[in-house]
N, C-alpha and C. Protein backbone atom coordinates (compact mmCIF):
# COMPACT_ATOMS: atom_id res chain seq x y z
N MET A 1 91.16 119.85 45.79
CA MET A 1 90.76 120.33 44.10
C MET A 1 89.46 119.14 44.23
N SER A 2 88.45 119.34 43.12
CA SER A 2 87.12 119.08 42.65
C SER A 2 87.28 119.50 41.22
N THR A 3 86.10 118.94 40.36
CA THR A 3 86.16 118.21 39.20
C THR A 3 85.29 119.59 38.83
N VAL A 4 84.74 120.06 39.56
CA VAL A 4 83.63 120.86 39.45
C VAL A 4 84.46 122.86 38.72
N PRO A 5 83.87 123.17 38.05
CA PRO A 5 84.64 124.06 37.68
C PRO A 5 84.54 125.03 38.89
N VAL A 6 85.14 125.97 39.00
CA VAL A 6 84.98 127.46 39.44
C VAL A 6 84.01 128.60 38.69
N TYR A 7 83.62 128.88 39.65
CA TYR A 7 82.32 130.06 39.10
C TYR A 7 82.73 131.65 40.17
N ILE A 8 82.66 131.53 41.00
CA ILE A 8 83.32 132.11 42.08
C ILE A 8 84.98 132.49 42.36
N CYS A 9 85.33 133.14 42.22
CA CYS A 9 86.83 133.39 42.14
C CYS A 9 87.11 134.50 43.05
N VAL A 10 87.98 134.61 43.46
CA VAL A 10 88.65 136.32 44.25
C VAL A 10 89.87 136.82 42.92
N THR A 11 90.49 135.98 42.80
CA THR A 11 91.70 135.84 41.59
C THR A 11 91.24 135.54 40.17
N GLN A 12 92.92 136.25 39.78
CA GLN A 12 92.68 136.08 37.92
C GLN A 12 93.64 134.75 37.82
N GLU A 13 93.62 133.96 38.93
CA GLU A 13 94.42 132.68 38.84
C GLU A 13 93.71 131.27 39.47
N PRO A 14 92.32 131.24 38.87
CA PRO A 14 91.30 130.24 40.04
C PRO A 14 92.23 128.98 40.32
N LEU A 15 93.24 128.18 39.54
CA LEU A 15 93.73 127.31 39.48
C LEU A 15 94.65 127.61 40.99
N MET A 16 95.45 128.36 40.95
CA MET A 16 96.18 128.51 42.31
C MET A 16 95.02 129.03 43.35
N GLU A 17 94.19 129.53 43.04
CA GLU A 17 92.69 130.32 44.49
C GLU A 17 92.84 128.50 44.83
N GLU A 18 92.67 127.64 44.26
CA GLU A 18 91.64 126.30 44.31
C GLU A 18 92.69 125.62 45.17
N TYR A 19 94.59 125.52 44.87
CA TYR A 19 94.90 125.04 45.50
C TYR A 19 95.32 125.63 46.79
N SER A 20 95.16 126.98 46.90
CA SER A 20 95.59 127.89 48.23
C SER A 20 94.43 127.19 49.18
N ILE A 21 93.19 126.85 48.99
CA ILE A 21 92.26 126.39 50.00
C ILE A 21 92.90 125.37 50.37
N ALA A 22 92.94 124.47 49.61
CA ALA A 22 92.98 123.11 49.91
C ALA A 22 94.04 123.26 50.89
N ALA A 23 95.14 123.35 50.36
CA ALA A 23 96.53 123.84 51.94
C ALA A 23 95.98 124.44 53.23
N GLN A 24 95.26 125.35 52.49
CA GLN A 24 94.76 126.09 54.28
C GLN A 24 93.64 124.93 55.14
N VAL A 25 92.90 124.31 54.39
CA VAL A 25 91.88 123.39 54.91
C VAL A 25 92.18 122.39 54.75
N TRP A 26 93.11 122.02 54.51
CA TRP A 26 93.61 120.53 54.99
C TRP A 26 94.64 120.38 55.29
N LYS A 27 95.21 121.43 55.44
CA LYS A 27 96.61 121.79 56.48
C LYS A 27 97.72 121.32 55.60
N LEU A 28 97.87 120.91 54.42
CA LEU A 28 98.85 120.35 53.03
C LEU A 28 100.02 121.31 53.56
N ASN A 29 101.54 120.92 53.86
CA ASN A 29 102.53 121.18 53.35
C ASN A 29 103.02 121.18 52.50
N ALA A 30 104.53 122.39 52.05
CA ALA A 30 104.61 122.40 51.06
C ALA A 30 104.81 121.16 49.95
N VAL A 31 105.41 120.24 51.24
CA VAL A 31 105.43 118.29 49.99
C VAL A 31 103.56 117.63 49.52
N ASP A 32 103.57 117.87 50.80
CA ASP A 32 101.82 117.84 50.23
C ASP A 32 100.83 118.35 49.03
N MET A 33 102.07 119.63 48.28
CA MET A 33 100.96 120.01 47.27
C MET A 33 102.03 120.29 46.09
N CYS A 34 103.17 119.11 46.38
CA CYS A 34 104.15 118.98 45.31
C CYS A 34 103.56 118.09 44.68
N GLU A 35 103.39 116.69 45.64
CA GLU A 35 102.31 115.52 45.56
C GLU A 35 101.41 115.32 44.81
N LEU A 36 100.55 116.21 45.10
CA LEU A 36 99.27 116.34 45.06
C LEU A 36 99.46 117.47 43.21
N ALA A 37 100.21 118.56 43.23
CA ALA A 37 100.60 118.71 41.40
C ALA A 37 101.64 117.86 40.84
N LYS A 38 101.82 117.10 40.89
CA LYS A 38 102.47 115.79 40.24
C LYS A 38 101.13 114.81 39.95
N ASN A 39 100.81 114.48 41.63
CA ASN A 39 99.64 113.76 40.62
C ASN A 39 98.61 113.98 39.67
N SER A 40 98.12 115.64 39.93
CA SER A 40 97.23 116.32 38.99
C SER A 40 98.13 116.23 37.92
N VAL A 41 99.53 116.69 37.42
CA VAL A 41 99.53 116.39 36.15
C VAL A 41 99.68 115.07 35.67
N LEU A 42 99.69 113.90 36.84
CA LEU A 42 100.01 112.59 35.80
C LEU A 42 98.73 112.10 35.83
N MET A 43 97.53 112.59 36.27
CA MET A 43 96.25 112.41 35.86
C MET A 43 95.26 113.21 34.57
N SER A 44 96.28 114.34 34.55
CA SER A 44 95.97 114.93 33.73
C SER A 44 95.86 114.67 31.77
N SER A 45 95.05 115.52 31.00
CA SER A 45 95.06 115.21 29.57
C SER A 45 96.02 115.57 28.70
N PHE A 46 96.87 115.74 29.61
CA PHE A 46 98.39 116.64 28.82
C PHE A 46 99.19 115.57 28.40
N GLU A 47 99.62 115.40 26.54
CA GLU A 47 100.11 114.87 26.10
C GLU A 47 101.89 114.66 26.83
N ASP A 48 102.24 113.90 26.81
CA ASP A 48 103.26 112.88 26.66
C ASP A 48 104.70 113.84 26.76
N CYS A 49 104.63 114.33 26.07
CA CYS A 49 105.41 115.41 26.08
C CYS A 49 105.62 116.84 27.17
N VAL A 50 104.83 117.37 27.32
CA VAL A 50 104.15 117.93 28.49
C VAL A 50 104.41 117.45 29.91
N LYS A 51 104.23 116.17 30.09
CA LYS A 51 103.68 115.17 31.19
C LYS A 51 105.61 115.27 31.08
N GLN A 52 106.26 115.36 30.36
CA GLN A 52 107.60 114.68 30.61
C GLN A 52 108.39 115.85 31.06
N HIS A 53 108.39 117.03 29.95
CA HIS A 53 108.53 118.18 30.22
C HIS A 53 107.91 119.04 32.09
N TRP A 54 107.85 118.59 32.75
CA TRP A 54 106.77 118.76 33.76
C TRP A 54 107.20 117.53 35.22
N LEU A 55 107.26 116.61 34.96
CA LEU A 55 107.58 115.42 36.08
C LEU A 55 108.78 114.48 35.06
N GLY A 56 109.46 115.29 34.08
CA GLY A 56 111.03 114.22 33.95
C GLY A 56 110.48 113.00 33.41
N VAL A 57 111.58 112.65 32.46
CA VAL A 57 111.15 111.55 31.22
C VAL A 57 110.85 110.04 31.57
N ASN A 58 111.13 109.99 32.39
CA ASN A 58 110.93 108.98 33.19
C ASN A 58 109.72 108.18 34.18
N TYR A 59 108.82 109.77 33.84
CA TYR A 59 107.42 110.23 34.69
C TYR A 59 106.19 108.60 34.80
N ASN A 60 106.04 107.83 34.02
CA ASN A 60 105.96 106.96 33.89
C ASN A 60 106.09 105.39 34.29
N GLU A 61 107.26 105.50 34.55
CA GLU A 61 107.61 104.52 35.75
C GLU A 61 107.17 103.71 36.99
N GLU A 62 107.03 103.42 37.69
CA GLU A 62 106.35 102.84 39.21
C GLU A 62 107.05 103.13 39.95
N GLY A 63 106.59 103.95 41.35
CA GLY A 63 107.67 103.59 42.27
C GLY A 63 108.69 105.07 42.46
N PRO A 64 109.87 105.15 42.76
CA PRO A 64 110.63 106.36 42.72
C PRO A 64 111.58 106.41 41.42
N ALA A 65 111.68 105.06 40.46
CA ALA A 65 111.81 105.05 39.26
C ALA A 65 111.59 106.04 38.51
N GLY A 66 110.23 106.32 38.43
CA GLY A 66 109.76 107.26 37.94
C GLY A 66 109.78 108.49 38.38
N ASN A 67 110.34 108.79 39.67
CA ASN A 67 110.19 110.30 40.41
C ASN A 67 111.44 111.11 39.85
N ASP A 68 111.11 111.98 39.21
CA ASP A 68 112.76 113.31 39.49
C ASP A 68 112.07 114.61 40.67
N ILE A 69 112.77 113.77 41.35
CA ILE A 69 112.78 114.69 42.40
C ILE A 69 113.23 116.40 42.40
N THR A 70 114.09 116.62 41.40
CA THR A 70 114.26 117.82 40.67
C THR A 70 113.53 118.24 40.75
N ARG A 71 112.78 117.95 39.77
CA ARG A 71 111.43 118.42 38.86
C ARG A 71 110.06 118.50 40.07
N THR A 72 109.86 117.36 40.74
CA THR A 72 108.77 116.84 40.89
C THR A 72 108.73 117.66 42.47
N ASN A 73 110.08 117.61 43.12
CA ASN A 73 110.36 117.99 44.89
C ASN A 73 109.31 117.40 45.58
N VAL A 74 108.84 115.53 45.16
CA VAL A 74 108.43 114.91 46.50
C VAL A 74 109.70 113.77 46.89
N PRO A 75 109.78 114.00 47.28
CA PRO A 75 110.80 113.29 48.37
C PRO A 75 111.00 111.03 47.06
N ASN A 76 111.63 110.85 46.91
CA ASN A 76 111.57 109.42 47.08
C ASN A 76 111.15 108.51 47.28
N ILE A 77 111.42 108.99 49.08
CA ILE A 77 110.90 108.19 50.56
C ILE A 77 109.49 107.84 49.96
N ARG A 78 108.89 109.03 49.87
CA ARG A 78 106.70 109.12 49.74
C ARG A 78 106.70 108.30 48.89
N VAL A 79 107.54 108.58 47.95
CA VAL A 79 107.38 107.91 46.44
C VAL A 79 106.83 106.18 46.85
N ALA A 80 108.24 106.29 47.54
CA ALA A 80 108.34 104.64 47.86
C ALA A 80 107.40 104.41 48.36
N TYR A 81 106.64 104.62 49.43
CA TYR A 81 105.68 104.36 50.35
C TYR A 81 104.19 104.48 49.88
N ARG A 82 104.21 105.54 48.85
CA ARG A 82 102.72 104.99 48.06
C ARG A 82 102.57 104.59 47.30
N HIS A 83 103.87 104.11 46.60
CA HIS A 83 103.94 102.55 45.74
C HIS A 83 103.97 101.19 46.09
N GLU A 84 104.52 100.89 47.49
CA GLU A 84 104.28 100.06 48.03
C GLU A 84 102.84 99.97 48.88
N THR A 85 102.29 100.98 49.62
CA THR A 85 100.95 101.09 50.18
C THR A 85 100.23 100.33 49.22
N LEU A 86 99.93 101.35 47.51
CA LEU A 86 99.52 100.49 46.58
C LEU A 86 99.35 99.20 46.20
N VAL A 87 100.59 98.74 46.28
CA VAL A 87 101.13 96.97 45.80
C VAL A 87 100.13 96.40 47.17
N GLU A 88 100.54 96.63 48.12
CA GLU A 88 99.75 96.03 49.49
C GLU A 88 98.21 95.83 49.26
N GLU A 89 97.56 97.16 48.95
CA GLU A 89 96.34 97.28 49.04
C GLU A 89 95.84 96.06 47.45
N LEU A 90 96.29 96.16 46.51
CA LEU A 90 95.90 95.76 44.83
C LEU A 90 96.08 94.24 45.92
N LYS A 91 96.72 93.57 46.16
CA LYS A 91 97.14 92.35 46.81
C LYS A 91 95.81 91.76 48.12
N ASN A 92 95.79 92.94 48.60
CA ASN A 92 94.35 92.47 49.58
C ASN A 92 93.16 92.27 48.49
N ILE A 93 92.42 93.33 47.45
CA ILE A 93 91.58 93.33 46.60
C ILE A 93 91.70 92.13 46.19
N LEU A 94 92.65 91.47 45.54
CA LEU A 94 93.11 90.28 44.06
C LEU A 94 92.71 88.90 45.37
N GLN A 95 93.03 88.82 46.67
CA GLN A 95 93.20 87.67 47.39
C GLN A 95 91.82 87.61 48.26
N TRP A 96 91.07 88.42 48.45
CA TRP A 96 89.66 89.04 48.93
C TRP A 96 88.05 88.12 48.17
N ASP A 97 87.57 87.26 48.81
CA ASP A 97 87.12 86.22 48.28
C ASP A 97 85.68 85.84 48.92
N GLY A 98 84.78 87.02 49.08
CA GLY A 98 83.49 87.16 50.10
C GLY A 98 83.88 87.27 51.72
N GLY A 99 84.83 87.69 51.75
CA GLY A 99 85.38 88.53 53.57
C GLY A 99 86.30 86.89 53.79
N THR A 100 87.24 86.54 52.77
CA THR A 100 87.99 85.96 53.99
C THR A 100 89.24 86.11 52.75
N THR A 101 90.50 85.89 54.07
CA THR A 101 91.90 86.22 53.23
C THR A 101 92.30 84.60 53.18
N ASP A 102 93.50 84.45 52.03
CA ASP A 102 94.50 83.22 51.53
C ASP A 102 95.45 84.22 52.41
N ASP A 103 96.47 83.50 53.59
CA ASP A 103 97.12 83.76 54.20
C ASP A 103 98.64 83.68 54.17
């Protein structure tokens, strides 16, 4: 996915075309595509009510608590892994001071 507008498209649905090309190029499976779509909605400028419609009422909660699998098709274990990895990376960034870490 890109932030550059699609100028040349073959179909009437440029966004679907872009998702389709991304799936083929990076060999993304159905769950990968669902996660990509979920994150696209999260990062969008859609109003809160629209995000709640597509992602669930708790969409802004962190980790699995914010995942409504019936709406996103993203397994909670994947959401938990992404959240745990993010938390660990943020800890590493906060601990870093000129190349040394405090263990």
